[in-house]
Amino acid sequence: METRRRFLGKALAAGSVLLFGRSAFPGVPVRKRPARMNAKASLYRAVNGTPAENIDQVLELAGGIDRIVGPDDVVVVKPNVQWWNQGAPNISVMNRLVERIFERPGGFRGEVVVAENCH
């Protein structure tokens, strides 16, 4: 349980960093991660099918849903459908993606969260 004293100490430390930057704690070493210069990414595209067929094809090109989602993962899907008339994703694609996650080979015991923020 967090005590009031610990909370105030953390709040003061956070406020100091926001106000003074790293110079607020000069004796604390900064851990730097090495830059990944040769990082590669793959991009897959499927066209000319229904939205559900296209997402199936993209998932197969990427190695299958079991390569992307583990059996106990928590998957957060953010469809960004707030602006439906400005290029929002097709809802049938989101439906098929969630179906594929639940139909994952080896089973799926995790959780799928559809997180949207429509005002």
PDB file of N, CA and C in Angstrom:
ATOM      1  N   MET A   1       0.840  -1.181   0.000  1.00  0.00           N
ATOM      2  CA  MET A   1       0.000   0.000   0.000  1.00  0.00           C
ATOM      3  C   MET A   1       0.882   1.241   0.000  1.00  0.00           C
ATOM      4  N   GLU A   2       0.508   2.199  -0.803  1.00  0.00           N
ATOM      5  CA  GLU A   2       1.256   3.442  -0.929  1.00  0.00           C
ATOM      6  C   GLU A   2       0.921   4.370   0.242  1.00  0.00           C
ATOM      7  N   THR A   3       1.946   4.845   0.937  1.00  0.00           N
ATOM      8  CA  THR A   3       1.707   5.780   2.034  1.00  0.00           C
ATOM      9  C   THR A   3       1.679   7.194   1.484  1.00  0.00           C
ATOM     10  N   ARG A   4       1.127   8.084   2.260  1.00  0.00           N
ATOM     11  CA  ARG A   4       1.062   9.486   1.841  1.00  0.00           C
ATOM     12  C   ARG A   4       2.472  10.053   1.656  1.00  0.00           C
ATOM     13  N   ARG A   5       3.374   9.680   2.555  1.00  0.00           N
ATOM     14  CA  ARG A   5       4.751  10.179   2.483  1.00  0.00           C
ATOM     15  C   ARG A   5       5.432   9.733   1.192  1.00  0.00           C
ATOM     16  N   ARG A   6       5.264   8.443   0.829  1.00  0.00           N
ATOM     17  CA  ARG A   6       5.878   7.945  -0.412  1.00  0.00           C
ATOM     18  C   ARG A   6       5.255   8.630  -1.634  1.00  0.00           C
ATOM     19  N   PHE A   7       3.925   8.778  -1.620  1.00  0.00           N
ATOM     20  CA  PHE A   7       3.246   9.431  -2.730  1.00  0.00           C
ATOM     21  C   PHE A   7       3.748  10.864  -2.913  1.00  0.00           C
ATOM     22  N   LEU A   8       3.833  11.614  -1.802  1.00  0.00           N
ATOM     23  CA  LEU A   8       4.309  12.996  -1.898  1.00  0.00           C
ATOM     24  C   LEU A   8       5.763  13.050  -2.370  1.00  0.00           C
ATOM     25  N   GLY A   9       6.578  12.078  -1.939  1.00  0.00           N
ATOM     26  CA  GLY A   9       7.968  12.038  -2.400  1.00  0.00           C
ATOM     27  C   GLY A   9       8.054  11.797  -3.898  1.00  0.00           C
ATOM     28  N   LYS A  10       7.254  10.862  -4.390  1.00  0.00           N
ATOM     29  CA  LYS A  10       7.245  10.588  -5.827  1.00  0.00           C
ATOM     30  C   LYS A  10       6.705  11.777  -6.615  1.00  0.00           C
ATOM     31  N   ALA A  11       5.659  12.414  -6.099  1.00  0.00           N
ATOM     32  CA  ALA A  11       5.084  13.579  -6.772  1.00  0.00           C
ATOM     33  C   ALA A  11       6.095  14.717  -6.826  1.00  0.00           C
ATOM     34  N   LEU A  12       6.834  14.923  -5.735  1.00  0.00           N
ATOM     35  CA  LEU A  12       7.857  15.966  -5.704  1.00  0.00           C
ATOM     36  C   LEU A  12       8.984  15.654  -6.692  1.00  0.00           C
ATOM     37  N   ALA A  13       9.399  14.395  -6.754  1.00  0.00           N
ATOM     38  CA  ALA A  13      10.450  14.001  -7.691  1.00  0.00           C
ATOM     39  C   ALA A  13       9.989  14.200  -9.127  1.00  0.00           C
ATOM     40  N   ALA A  14       8.759  13.797  -9.430  1.00  0.00           N
ATOM     41  CA  ALA A  14       8.239  13.963 -10.788  1.00  0.00           C
ATOM     42  C   ALA A  14       8.120  15.437 -11.152  1.00  0.00           C
ATOM     43  N   GLY A  15       7.641  16.237 -10.205  1.00  0.00           N
ATOM     44  CA  GLY A  15       7.536  17.671 -10.454  1.00  0.00           C
ATOM     45  C   GLY A  15       8.895  18.310 -10.670  1.00  0.00           C
ATOM     46  N   SER A  16       9.901  17.865  -9.918  1.00  0.00           N
ATOM     47  CA  SER A  16      11.253  18.400 -10.083  1.00  0.00           C
ATOM     48  C   SER A  16      11.807  18.077 -11.458  1.00  0.00           C
ATOM     49  N   VAL A  17      11.582  16.853 -11.911  1.00  0.00           N
ATOM     50  CA  VAL A  17      12.065  16.469 -13.237  1.00  0.00           C
ATOM     51  C   VAL A  17      11.355  17.279 -14.309  1.00  0.00           C
ATOM     52  N   LEU A  18      10.046  17.475 -14.158  1.00  0.00           N
ATOM     53  CA  LEU A  18       9.313  18.271 -15.146  1.00  0.00           C
ATOM     54  C   LEU A  18       9.793  19.721 -15.150  1.00  0.00           C
ATOM     55  N   LEU A  19      10.092  20.242 -13.981  1.00  0.00           N
ATOM     56  CA  LEU A  19      10.491  21.642 -13.884  1.00  0.00           C
ATOM     57  C   LEU A  19      11.952  21.869 -14.277  1.00  0.00           C
ATOM     58  N   PHE A  20      12.838  21.006 -13.797  1.00  0.00           N
ATOM     59  CA  PHE A  20      14.269  21.217 -14.007  1.00  0.00           C
ATOM     60  C   PHE A  20      14.915  20.254 -14.987  1.00  0.00           C
ATOM     61  N   GLY A  21      14.204  19.256 -15.428  1.00  0.00           N
ATOM     62  CA  GLY A  21      14.779  18.265 -16.332  1.00  0.00           C
ATOM     63  C   GLY A  21      15.705  17.328 -15.577  1.00  0.00           C
ATOM     64  N   ARG A  22      16.622  16.695 -16.290  1.00  0.00           N
ATOM     65  CA  ARG A  22      17.542  15.734 -15.670  1.00  0.00           C
ATOM     66  C   ARG A  22      18.493  16.400 -14.691  1.00  0.00           C
ATOM     67  N   SER A  23      18.670  17.709 -14.765  1.00  0.00           N
ATOM     68  CA  SER A  23      19.585  18.382 -13.851  1.00  0.00           C
ATOM     69  C   SER A  23      19.057  18.374 -12.418  1.00  0.00           C
ATOM     70  N   ALA A  24      17.791  17.979 -12.200  1.00  0.00           N
ATOM     71  CA  ALA A  24      17.243  17.904 -10.850  1.00  0.00           C
ATOM     72  C   ALA A  24      17.901  16.785 -10.054  1.00  0.00           C
ATOM     73  N   PHE A  25      18.392  15.747 -10.736  1.00  0.00           N
ATOM     74  CA  PHE A  25      19.037  14.614 -10.080  1.00  0.00           C
ATOM     75  C   PHE A  25      20.377  14.344 -10.752  1.00  0.00           C
ATOM     76  N   PRO A  26      21.396  15.171 -10.495  1.00  0.00           N
ATOM     77  CA  PRO A  26      22.661  15.022 -11.216  1.00  0.00           C
ATOM     78  C   PRO A  26      23.427  13.753 -10.888  1.00  0.00           C
ATOM     79  N   GLY A  27      23.215  13.170  -9.709  1.00  0.00           N
ATOM     80  CA  GLY A  27      23.983  11.988  -9.329  1.00  0.00           C
ATOM     81  C   GLY A  27      23.388  10.679  -9.829  1.00  0.00           C
ATOM     82  N   VAL A  28      22.193  10.720 -10.407  1.00  0.00           N
ATOM     83  CA  VAL A  28      21.531   9.502 -10.857  1.00  0.00           C
ATOM     84  C   VAL A  28      21.950   9.214 -12.290  1.00  0.00           C
ATOM     85  N   PRO A  29      22.540   8.044 -12.537  1.00  0.00           N
ATOM     86  CA  PRO A  29      22.988   7.747 -13.905  1.00  0.00           C
ATOM     87  C   PRO A  29      21.800   7.533 -14.856  1.00  0.00           C
ATOM     88  N   VAL A  30      22.005   7.904 -16.084  1.00  0.00           N
ATOM     89  CA  VAL A  30      20.984   7.737 -17.115  1.00  0.00           C
ATOM     90  C   VAL A  30      21.355   6.517 -17.947  1.00  0.00           C
ATOM     91  N   ARG A  31      20.454   5.559 -18.027  1.00  0.00           N
ATOM     92  CA  ARG A  31      20.703   4.377 -18.848  1.00  0.00           C
ATOM     93  C   ARG A  31      20.288   4.682 -20.277  1.00  0.00           C
ATOM     94  N   LYS A  32      21.205   4.520 -21.184  1.00  0.00           N
ATOM     95  CA  LYS A  32      20.910   4.769 -22.596  1.00  0.00           C
ATOM     96  C   LYS A  32      20.906   3.451 -23.345  1.00  0.00           C
ATOM     97  N   ARG A  33      19.892   3.274 -24.166  1.00  0.00           N
ATOM     98  CA  ARG A  33      19.837   2.079 -24.998  1.00  0.00           C
ATOM     99  C   ARG A  33      20.561   2.362 -26.302  1.00  0.00           C
ATOM    100  N   PRO A  34      21.284   1.383 -26.810  1.00  0.00           N
ATOM    101  CA  PRO A  34      21.967   1.604 -28.086  1.00  0.00           C
ATOM    102  C   PRO A  34      20.955   1.743 -29.220  1.00  0.00           C
ATOM    103  N   ALA A  35      21.288   2.574 -30.171  1.00  0.00           N
ATOM    104  CA  ALA A  35      20.413   2.783 -31.323  1.00  0.00           C
ATOM    105  C   ALA A  35      20.388   1.539 -32.199  1.00  0.00           C
ATOM    106  N   ARG A  36      19.249   1.240 -32.745  1.00  0.00           N
ATOM    107  CA  ARG A  36      19.105   0.106 -33.650  1.00  0.00           C
ATOM    108  C   ARG A  36      19.201   0.650 -35.077  1.00  0.00           C
ATOM    109  N   MET A  37      20.376   0.578 -35.622  1.00  0.00           N
ATOM    110  CA  MET A  37      20.626   1.170 -36.937  1.00  0.00           C
ATOM    111  C   MET A  37      20.075   0.315 -38.082  1.00  0.00           C
ATOM    112  N   ASN A  38      20.067  -0.987 -37.929  1.00  0.00           N
ATOM    113  CA  ASN A  38      19.662  -1.860 -39.024  1.00  0.00           C
ATOM    114  C   ASN A  38      18.313  -2.511 -38.755  1.00  0.00           C
ATOM    115  N   ALA A  39      17.432  -1.795 -38.082  1.00  0.00           N
ATOM    116  CA  ALA A  39      16.111  -2.348 -37.795  1.00  0.00           C
ATOM    117  C   ALA A  39      15.328  -2.474 -39.103  1.00  0.00           C
ATOM    118  N   LYS A  40      14.667  -3.602 -39.263  1.00  0.00           N
ATOM    119  CA  LYS A  40      13.888  -3.840 -40.465  1.00  0.00           C
ATOM    120  C   LYS A  40      12.436  -4.053 -40.093  1.00  0.00           C
ATOM    121  N   ALA A  41      11.566  -3.659 -40.974  1.00  0.00           N
ATOM    122  CA  ALA A  41      10.137  -3.863 -40.792  1.00  0.00           C
ATOM    123  C   ALA A  41       9.577  -4.418 -42.094  1.00  0.00           C
ATOM    124  N   SER A  42       8.518  -5.175 -41.961  1.00  0.00           N
ATOM    125  CA  SER A  42       7.857  -5.725 -43.144  1.00  0.00           C
ATOM    126  C   SER A  42       6.468  -5.128 -43.258  1.00  0.00           C
ATOM    127  N   LEU A  43       6.056  -4.870 -44.466  1.00  0.00           N
ATOM    128  CA  LEU A  43       4.746  -4.306 -44.741  1.00  0.00           C
ATOM    129  C   LEU A  43       4.031  -5.244 -45.693  1.00  0.00           C
ATOM    130  N   TYR A  44       2.813  -5.630 -45.347  1.00  0.00           N
ATOM    131  CA  TYR A  44       2.039  -6.553 -46.174  1.00  0.00           C
ATOM    132  C   TYR A  44       0.771  -5.861 -46.634  1.00  0.00           C
ATOM    133  N   ARG A  45       0.338  -6.209 -47.854  1.00  0.00           N
ATOM    134  CA  ARG A  45      -0.842  -5.588 -48.439  1.00  0.00           C
ATOM    135  C   ARG A  45      -1.631  -6.637 -49.200  1.00  0.00           C
ATOM    136  N   ALA A  46      -2.945  -6.579 -49.073  1.00  0.00           N
ATOM    137  CA  ALA A  46      -3.828  -7.455 -49.830  1.00  0.00           C
ATOM    138  C   ALA A  46      -4.938  -6.595 -50.423  1.00  0.00           C
ATOM    139  N   VAL A  47      -5.267  -6.831 -51.677  1.00  0.00           N
ATOM    140  CA  VAL A  47      -6.300  -6.055 -52.372  1.00  0.00           C
ATOM    141  C   VAL A  47      -7.203  -6.994 -53.166  1.00  0.00           C
ATOM    142  N   ASN A  48      -8.283  -6.430 -53.652  1.00  0.00           N
ATOM    143  CA  ASN A  48      -9.222  -7.093 -54.559  1.00  0.00           C
ATOM    144  C   ASN A  48     -10.067  -8.172 -53.909  1.00  0.00           C
ATOM    145  N   GLY A  49     -10.093  -8.269 -52.622  1.00  0.00           N
ATOM    146  CA  GLY A  49     -10.971  -9.213 -51.932  1.00  0.00           C
ATOM    147  C   GLY A  49     -11.922  -8.439 -51.038  1.00  0.00           C
ATOM    148  N   THR A  50     -12.768  -9.157 -50.347  1.00  0.00           N
ATOM    149  CA  THR A  50     -13.593  -8.487 -49.348  1.00  0.00           C
ATOM    150  C   THR A  50     -12.680  -8.060 -48.207  1.00  0.00           C
ATOM    151  N   PRO A  51     -13.117  -7.145 -47.373  1.00  0.00           N
ATOM    152  CA  PRO A  51     -12.259  -6.746 -46.252  1.00  0.00           C
ATOM    153  C   PRO A  51     -11.819  -7.927 -45.387  1.00  0.00           C
ATOM    154  N   ALA A  52     -12.728  -8.859 -45.129  1.00  0.00           N
ATOM    155  CA  ALA A  52     -12.375 -10.029 -44.314  1.00  0.00           C
ATOM    156  C   ALA A  52     -11.359 -10.910 -45.036  1.00  0.00           C
ATOM    157  N   GLU A  53     -11.518 -11.093 -46.342  1.00  0.00           N
ATOM    158  CA  GLU A  53     -10.560 -11.886 -47.112  1.00  0.00           C
ATOM    159  C   GLU A  53      -9.193 -11.220 -47.138  1.00  0.00           C
ATOM    160  N   ASN A  54      -9.193  -9.895 -47.246  1.00  0.00           N
ATOM    161  CA  ASN A  54      -7.917  -9.171 -47.279  1.00  0.00           C
ATOM    162  C   ASN A  54      -7.164  -9.289 -45.959  1.00  0.00           C
ATOM    163  N   ILE A  55      -7.862  -9.193 -44.822  1.00  0.00           N
ATOM    164  CA  ILE A  55      -7.157  -9.308 -43.543  1.00  0.00           C
ATOM    165  C   ILE A  55      -6.668 -10.737 -43.348  1.00  0.00           C
ATOM    166  N   ASP A  56      -7.440 -11.729 -43.818  1.00  0.00           N
ATOM    167  CA  ASP A  56      -6.972 -13.119 -43.752  1.00  0.00           C
ATOM    168  C   ASP A  56      -5.679 -13.294 -44.540  1.00  0.00           C
ATOM    169  N   GLN A  57      -5.644 -12.692 -45.743  1.00  0.00           N
ATOM    170  CA  GLN A  57      -4.455 -12.817 -46.590  1.00  0.00           C
ATOM    171  C   GLN A  57      -3.258 -12.105 -45.960  1.00  0.00           C
ATOM    172  N   VAL A  58      -3.476 -10.942 -45.383  1.00  0.00           N
ATOM    173  CA  VAL A  58      -2.378 -10.209 -44.740  1.00  0.00           C
ATOM    174  C   VAL A  58      -1.829 -10.995 -43.550  1.00  0.00           C
ATOM    175  N   LEU A  59      -2.718 -11.584 -42.761  1.00  0.00           N
ATOM    176  CA  LEU A  59      -2.257 -12.375 -41.617  1.00  0.00           C
ATOM    177  C   LEU A  59      -1.459 -13.585 -42.062  1.00  0.00           C
ATOM    178  N   GLU A  60      -1.855 -14.218 -43.156  1.00  0.00           N
ATOM    179  CA  GLU A  60      -1.094 -15.365 -43.673  1.00  0.00           C
ATOM    180  C   GLU A  60       0.266 -14.912 -44.210  1.00  0.00           C
ATOM    181  N   LEU A  61       0.310 -13.769 -44.882  1.00  0.00           N
ATOM    182  CA  LEU A  61       1.592 -13.247 -45.372  1.00  0.00           C
ATOM    183  C   LEU A  61       2.543 -12.931 -44.215  1.00  0.00           C
ATOM    184  N   ALA A  62       1.977 -12.507 -43.081  1.00  0.00           N
ATOM    185  CA  ALA A  62       2.792 -12.166 -41.914  1.00  0.00           C
ATOM    186  C   ALA A  62       3.209 -13.400 -41.115  1.00  0.00           C
ATOM    187  N   GLY A  63       2.784 -14.577 -41.533  1.00  0.00           N
ATOM    188  CA  GLY A  63       3.195 -15.799 -40.846  1.00  0.00           C
ATOM    189  C   GLY A  63       2.103 -16.436 -40.011  1.00  0.00           C
ATOM    190  N   GLY A  64       0.903 -15.914 -40.074  1.00  0.00           N
ATOM    191  CA  GLY A  64      -0.203 -16.484 -39.309  1.00  0.00           C
ATOM    192  C   GLY A  64      -0.439 -15.748 -38.012  1.00  0.00           C
ATOM    193  N   ILE A  65      -1.656 -15.834 -37.541  1.00  0.00           N
ATOM    194  CA  ILE A  65      -2.025 -15.125 -36.315  1.00  0.00           C
ATOM    195  C   ILE A  65      -1.274 -15.664 -35.109  1.00  0.00           C
ATOM    196  N   ASP A  66      -0.914 -16.964 -35.138  1.00  0.00           N
ATOM    197  CA  ASP A  66      -0.198 -17.534 -33.994  1.00  0.00           C
ATOM    198  C   ASP A  66       1.223 -17.010 -33.883  1.00  0.00           C
ATOM    199  N   ARG A  67       1.769 -16.438 -34.928  1.00  0.00           N
ATOM    200  CA  ARG A  67       3.097 -15.810 -34.864  1.00  0.00           C
ATOM    201  C   ARG A  67       3.015 -14.420 -34.238  1.00  0.00           C
ATOM    202  N   ILE A  68       1.854 -13.798 -34.364  1.00  0.00           N
ATOM    203  CA  ILE A  68       1.667 -12.431 -33.881  1.00  0.00           C
ATOM    204  C   ILE A  68       1.106 -12.410 -32.462  1.00  0.00           C
ATOM    205  N   VAL A  69       0.138 -13.297 -32.187  1.00  0.00           N
ATOM    206  CA  VAL A  69      -0.572 -13.301 -30.906  1.00  0.00           C
ATOM    207  C   VAL A  69      -0.302 -14.611 -30.184  1.00  0.00           C
ATOM    208  N   GLY A  70       0.128 -14.521 -28.945  1.00  0.00           N
ATOM    209  CA  GLY A  70       0.373 -15.706 -28.132  1.00  0.00           C
ATOM    210  C   GLY A  70      -0.908 -16.213 -27.483  1.00  0.00           C
ATOM    211  N   PRO A  71      -0.870 -17.407 -26.922  1.00  0.00           N
ATOM    212  CA  PRO A  71      -2.092 -17.999 -26.358  1.00  0.00           C
ATOM    213  C   PRO A  71      -2.608 -17.285 -25.111  1.00  0.00           C
ATOM    214  N   ASP A  72      -1.760 -16.570 -24.396  1.00  0.00           N
ATOM    215  CA  ASP A  72      -2.180 -15.893 -23.162  1.00  0.00           C
ATOM    216  C   ASP A  72      -2.045 -14.377 -23.247  1.00  0.00           C
ATOM    217  N   ASP A  73      -1.913 -13.833 -24.439  1.00  0.00           N
ATOM    218  CA  ASP A  73      -1.700 -12.398 -24.603  1.00  0.00           C
ATOM    219  C   ASP A  73      -2.961 -11.592 -24.307  1.00  0.00           C
ATOM    220  N   VAL A  74      -2.746 -10.350 -23.936  1.00  0.00           N
ATOM    221  CA  VAL A  74      -3.827  -9.376 -23.886  1.00  0.00           C
ATOM    222  C   VAL A  74      -3.639  -8.493 -25.113  1.00  0.00           C
ATOM    223  N   VAL A  75      -4.611  -8.528 -26.009  1.00  0.00           N
ATOM    224  CA  VAL A  75      -4.523  -7.808 -27.280  1.00  0.00           C
ATOM    225  C   VAL A  75      -5.420  -6.585 -27.196  1.00  0.00           C
ATOM    226  N   VAL A  76      -4.847  -5.405 -27.421  1.00  0.00           N
ATOM    227  CA  VAL A  76      -5.615  -4.172 -27.436  1.00  0.00           C
ATOM    228  C   VAL A  76      -5.725  -3.721 -28.888  1.00  0.00           C
ATOM    229  N   VAL A  77      -6.953  -3.596 -29.361  1.00  0.00           N
ATOM    230  CA  VAL A  77      -7.219  -3.191 -30.736  1.00  0.00           C
ATOM    231  C   VAL A  77      -7.827  -1.797 -30.684  1.00  0.00           C
ATOM    232  N   LYS A  78      -7.212  -0.851 -31.375  1.00  0.00           N
ATOM    233  CA  LYS A  78      -7.704   0.529 -31.428  1.00  0.00           C
ATOM    234  C   LYS A  78      -8.118   0.818 -32.866  1.00  0.00           C
ATOM    235  N   PRO A  79      -9.407   0.649 -33.194  1.00  0.00           N
ATOM    236  CA  PRO A  79      -9.827   0.774 -34.592  1.00  0.00           C
ATOM    237  C   PRO A  79      -9.866   2.198 -35.131  1.00  0.00           C
ATOM    238  N   ASN A  80      -9.946   3.200 -34.284  1.00  0.00           N
ATOM    239  CA  ASN A  80      -9.961   4.596 -34.717  1.00  0.00           C
ATOM    240  C   ASN A  80     -11.148   4.886 -35.637  1.00  0.00           C
ATOM    241  N   VAL A  81     -12.343   4.574 -35.166  1.00  0.00           N
ATOM    242  CA  VAL A  81     -13.550   4.791 -35.965  1.00  0.00           C
ATOM    243  C   VAL A  81     -14.296   6.053 -35.562  1.00  0.00           C
ATOM    244  N   GLN A  82     -13.660   6.921 -34.824  1.00  0.00           N
ATOM    245  CA  GLN A  82     -14.328   8.146 -34.394  1.00  0.00           C
ATOM    246  C   GLN A  82     -14.747   8.991 -35.590  1.00  0.00           C
ATOM    247  N   TRP A  83     -13.882   9.097 -36.565  1.00  0.00           N
ATOM    248  CA  TRP A  83     -14.187   9.921 -37.736  1.00  0.00           C
ATOM    249  C   TRP A  83     -14.542   8.997 -38.895  1.00  0.00           C
ATOM    250  N   TRP A  84     -15.725   8.409 -38.857  1.00  0.00           N
ATOM    251  CA  TRP A  84     -16.150   7.392 -39.807  1.00  0.00           C
ATOM    252  C   TRP A  84     -16.142   7.887 -41.237  1.00  0.00           C
ATOM    253  N   ASN A  85     -16.327   9.161 -41.473  1.00  0.00           N
ATOM    254  CA  ASN A  85     -16.355   9.674 -42.846  1.00  0.00           C
ATOM    255  C   ASN A  85     -15.000  10.178 -43.322  1.00  0.00           C
ATOM    256  N   GLN A  86     -13.945   9.901 -42.564  1.00  0.00           N
ATOM    257  CA  GLN A  86     -12.616  10.384 -42.938  1.00  0.00           C
ATOM    258  C   GLN A  86     -11.601   9.249 -42.961  1.00  0.00           C
ATOM    259  N   GLY A  87     -11.965   8.125 -43.558  1.00  0.00           N
ATOM    260  CA  GLY A  87     -11.015   7.039 -43.750  1.00  0.00           C
ATOM    261  C   GLY A  87     -10.885   6.084 -42.589  1.00  0.00           C
ATOM    262  N   ALA A  88     -11.927   5.914 -41.803  1.00  0.00           N
ATOM    263  CA  ALA A  88     -11.881   4.960 -40.696  1.00  0.00           C
ATOM    264  C   ALA A  88     -11.805   3.539 -41.248  1.00  0.00           C
ATOM    265  N   PRO A  89     -11.248   2.602 -40.487  1.00  0.00           N
ATOM    266  CA  PRO A  89     -11.142   1.219 -40.962  1.00  0.00           C
ATOM    267  C   PRO A  89     -12.516   0.567 -41.075  1.00  0.00           C
ATOM    268  N   ASN A  90     -12.565  -0.449 -41.895  1.00  0.00           N
ATOM    269  CA  ASN A  90     -13.793  -1.189 -42.105  1.00  0.00           C
ATOM    270  C   ASN A  90     -14.077  -2.049 -40.868  1.00  0.00           C
ATOM    271  N   ILE A  91     -15.287  -1.977 -40.367  1.00  0.00           N
ATOM    272  CA  ILE A  91     -15.639  -2.705 -39.154  1.00  0.00           C
ATOM    273  C   ILE A  91     -15.586  -4.217 -39.372  1.00  0.00           C
ATOM    274  N   SER A  92     -15.860  -4.684 -40.587  1.00  0.00           N
ATOM    275  CA  SER A  92     -15.784  -6.126 -40.833  1.00  0.00           C
ATOM    276  C   SER A  92     -14.346  -6.626 -40.726  1.00  0.00           C
ATOM    277  N   VAL A  93     -13.374  -5.767 -40.996  1.00  0.00           N
ATOM    278  CA  VAL A  93     -11.971  -6.140 -40.812  1.00  0.00           C
ATOM    279  C   VAL A  93     -11.688  -6.331 -39.320  1.00  0.00           C
ATOM    280  N   MET A  94     -12.173  -5.412 -38.498  1.00  0.00           N
ATOM    281  CA  MET A  94     -11.960  -5.534 -37.055  1.00  0.00           C
ATOM    282  C   MET A  94     -12.639  -6.792 -36.522  1.00  0.00           C
ATOM    283  N   ASN A  95     -13.842  -7.070 -37.011  1.00  0.00           N
ATOM    284  CA  ASN A  95     -14.560  -8.267 -36.583  1.00  0.00           C
ATOM    285  C   ASN A  95     -13.775  -9.526 -36.961  1.00  0.00           C
ATOM    286  N   ARG A  96     -13.284  -9.575 -38.192  1.00  0.00           N
ATOM    287  CA  ARG A  96     -12.544 -10.755 -38.644  1.00  0.00           C
ATOM    288  C   ARG A  96     -11.228 -10.904 -37.884  1.00  0.00           C
ATOM    289  N   LEU A  97     -10.557  -9.803 -37.586  1.00  0.00           N
ATOM    290  CA  LEU A  97      -9.316  -9.865 -36.819  1.00  0.00           C
ATOM    291  C   LEU A  97      -9.561 -10.465 -35.437  1.00  0.00           C
ATOM    292  N   VAL A  98     -10.611 -10.025 -34.757  1.00  0.00           N
ATOM    293  CA  VAL A  98     -10.928 -10.571 -33.434  1.00  0.00           C
ATOM    294  C   VAL A  98     -11.304 -12.044 -33.553  1.00  0.00           C
ATOM    295  N   GLU A  99     -12.066 -12.405 -34.592  1.00  0.00           N
ATOM    296  CA  GLU A  99     -12.399 -13.815 -34.811  1.00  0.00           C
ATOM    297  C   GLU A  99     -11.144 -14.658 -34.994  1.00  0.00           C
ATOM    298  N   ARG A 100     -10.211 -14.159 -35.800  1.00  0.00           N
ATOM    299  CA  ARG A 100      -8.967 -14.908 -36.047  1.00  0.00           C
ATOM    300  C   ARG A 100      -8.153 -15.069 -34.770  1.00  0.00           C
ATOM    301  N   ILE A 101      -8.163 -14.058 -33.912  1.00  0.00           N
ATOM    302  CA  ILE A 101      -7.444 -14.165 -32.649  1.00  0.00           C
ATOM    303  C   ILE A 101      -8.050 -15.284 -31.800  1.00  0.00           C
ATOM    304  N   PHE A 102      -9.381 -15.329 -31.714  1.00  0.00           N
ATOM    305  CA  PHE A 102     -10.033 -16.359 -30.908  1.00  0.00           C
ATOM    306  C   PHE A 102      -9.930 -17.744 -31.540  1.00  0.00           C
ATOM    307  N   GLU A 103      -9.773 -17.815 -32.866  1.00  0.00           N
ATOM    308  CA  GLU A 103      -9.629 -19.095 -33.564  1.00  0.00           C
ATOM    309  C   GLU A 103      -8.164 -19.513 -33.688  1.00  0.00           C
ATOM    310  N   ARG A 104      -7.286 -18.846 -32.981  1.00  0.00           N
ATOM    311  CA  ARG A 104      -5.845 -19.088 -33.072  1.00  0.00           C
ATOM    312  C   ARG A 104      -5.511 -20.558 -32.869  1.00  0.00           C
ATOM    313  N   PRO A 105      -4.628 -21.134 -33.722  1.00  0.00           N
ATOM    314  CA  PRO A 105      -4.205 -22.526 -33.517  1.00  0.00           C
ATOM    315  C   PRO A 105      -3.563 -22.683 -32.134  1.00  0.00           C
ATOM    316  N   GLY A 106      -3.934 -23.718 -31.431  1.00  0.00           N
ATOM    317  CA  GLY A 106      -3.430 -23.918 -30.078  1.00  0.00           C
ATOM    318  C   GLY A 106      -4.315 -23.286 -29.028  1.00  0.00           C
ATOM    319  N   GLY A 107      -5.353 -22.593 -29.446  1.00  0.00           N
ATOM    320  CA  GLY A 107      -6.291 -21.975 -28.513  1.00  0.00           C
ATOM    321  C   GLY A 107      -5.864 -20.585 -28.091  1.00  0.00           C
ATOM    322  N   PHE A 108      -6.792 -19.864 -27.511  1.00  0.00           N
ATOM    323  CA  PHE A 108      -6.532 -18.518 -27.022  1.00  0.00           C
ATOM    324  C   PHE A 108      -7.207 -18.370 -25.667  1.00  0.00           C
ATOM    325  N   ARG A 109      -6.398 -18.115 -24.634  1.00  0.00           N
ATOM    326  CA  ARG A 109      -6.901 -17.953 -23.278  1.00  0.00           C
ATOM    327  C   ARG A 109      -6.732 -16.519 -22.786  1.00  0.00           C
ATOM    328  N   GLY A 110      -6.285 -15.659 -23.671  1.00  0.00           N
ATOM    329  CA  GLY A 110      -6.011 -14.276 -23.295  1.00  0.00           C
ATOM    330  C   GLY A 110      -7.252 -13.420 -23.321  1.00  0.00           C
ATOM    331  N   GLU A 111      -7.043 -12.165 -23.639  1.00  0.00           N
ATOM    332  CA  GLU A 111      -8.126 -11.199 -23.629  1.00  0.00           C
ATOM    333  C   GLU A 111      -7.961 -10.263 -24.821  1.00  0.00           C
ATOM    334  N   VAL A 112      -9.067  -9.913 -25.441  1.00  0.00           N
ATOM    335  CA  VAL A 112      -9.065  -8.934 -26.520  1.00  0.00           C
ATOM    336  C   VAL A 112      -9.847  -7.722 -26.040  1.00  0.00           C
ATOM    337  N   VAL A 113      -9.217  -6.569 -26.080  1.00  0.00           N
ATOM    338  CA  VAL A 113      -9.846  -5.318 -25.657  1.00  0.00           C
ATOM    339  C   VAL A 113      -9.963  -4.430 -26.887  1.00  0.00           C
ATOM    340  N   VAL A 114     -11.187  -4.015 -27.200  1.00  0.00           N
ATOM    341  CA  VAL A 114     -11.386  -3.052 -28.274  1.00  0.00           C
ATOM    342  C   VAL A 114     -11.493  -1.702 -27.603  1.00  0.00           C
ATOM    343  N   ALA A 115     -10.496  -0.861 -27.792  1.00  0.00           N
ATOM    344  CA  ALA A 115     -10.417   0.428 -27.110  1.00  0.00           C
ATOM    345  C   ALA A 115     -10.718   1.538 -28.103  1.00  0.00           C
ATOM    346  N   GLU A 116     -11.819   2.219 -27.895  1.00  0.00           N
ATOM    347  CA  GLU A 116     -12.197   3.307 -28.787  1.00  0.00           C
ATOM    348  C   GLU A 116     -12.622   4.492 -27.940  1.00  0.00           C
ATOM    349  N   ASN A 117     -12.481   5.654 -28.484  1.00  0.00           N
ATOM    350  CA  ASN A 117     -12.797   6.883 -27.763  1.00  0.00           C
ATOM    351  C   ASN A 117     -13.658   7.777 -28.639  1.00  0.00           C
ATOM    352  N   CYS A 118     -14.908   7.431 -28.795  1.00  0.00           N
ATOM    353  CA  CYS A 118     -15.828   8.256 -29.584  1.00  0.00           C
ATOM    354  C   CYS A 118     -16.493   9.267 -28.674  1.00  0.00           C
ATOM    355  N   HIS A 119     -16.498  10.488 -29.118  1.00  0.00           N
ATOM    356  CA  HIS A 119     -17.121  11.559 -28.316  1.00  0.00           C
ATOM    357  C   HIS A 119     -18.529  11.770 -28.772  1.00  0.00           C
TER     358      HIS A 119
END
